[in-house]
């Protein structure tokens, strides 16, 4: 079995952060989203992974993947235009050959191992296995309709009226029969080859399509609030203990689960976990509240942050309260006059904000 990971796309819903950074590389708890996806594949013993990349951001993806040692070989496959998930499978056709494969979206996270799903697929000799999760509003997602026995009947992509509240999670397992199914579908109204149409083609042809309902969390990090929620959940679930490797002076207080990098400095400040602080970051006379992730080489002075994702090289000075915010690389936020109101921001790389 092989795997393909979709790491292209333009990430328009996360602009301005994604003008210069692929959405799959936005950090969650100071680690690129894509790395969590690859970790799940490593857990099942995957040996060959095809990475679907866009021409504009492919080099950044390659550099990010190379930062860690993986137990599998990565083959990069360029998808010239983002013409749908099924089109990405077509682009990977030579790589996949006639093997079954896992397909993952590079900006989706799930809170459990996928080993059990792979075992179920192999045991049942399925042509496709899809993961489902109940959501409050599935209209912007692929949606599954099941019968009274819970068997899959129909799949629809982004319906105006959803037939159920069961959304398709961004992970699929396919046999080689999916290639023939894709050859029979047409572009949707969005001009894309939809993977839901291809799976429906399998159903219509009498092929075996199984489904599993995900018991843990599933997070699509494609929007600001989703990104912040992913950061909160990952810090809660994956940061199981504190690691205070940096410098904390006697006037500071650190409580809860805090991961402080070895080169980080905390002076006259309070940090309340769960939180993660990157290498070279300096925090002075400030409060860092729960569910905050600060990247490398940041400078936080006389400020209060909570529930924020702050990328590398950010400077924040004199900000009374910053919450629910995503701050791009090397951005600068400074207060020039007294301001006691809470601030919520999403600003891109190299931005400057003065209050």
Foldseek 3Di string as FASTA:
>chain_A
DAEEEEQEDQLVQQPPARPPPGQQQQDQLQGGLLVQVLVLVLVLVHAEYEYEYEPVCVVVVVVNVVVDDGNYDYHYFYDDDCQEPLVSCVSCPVVCPQFKYKYAYSQKHWDDHCNVVVVVCVVVVAQKEWEKEFDDDCLQAWAFDADPVRFTDAIDHNHPDGNHRIGTARMMIHGSVLNVLQVPDARDPVSHSYSRSSVVSCVVVVGGYHYHYRPTDMARCSHLLSSLVSSQVCLVPPQPAADPQDAEDPLEEEDDHEHEDNQEYEENEYEYEPEYAEHLEYAYVEYEYYSEYAYHNEYHECEYEYSEYHYAQEYEYNHDAEYSEYHEYNEYEYEPDDDNDYDYYYDYHPHYHYD
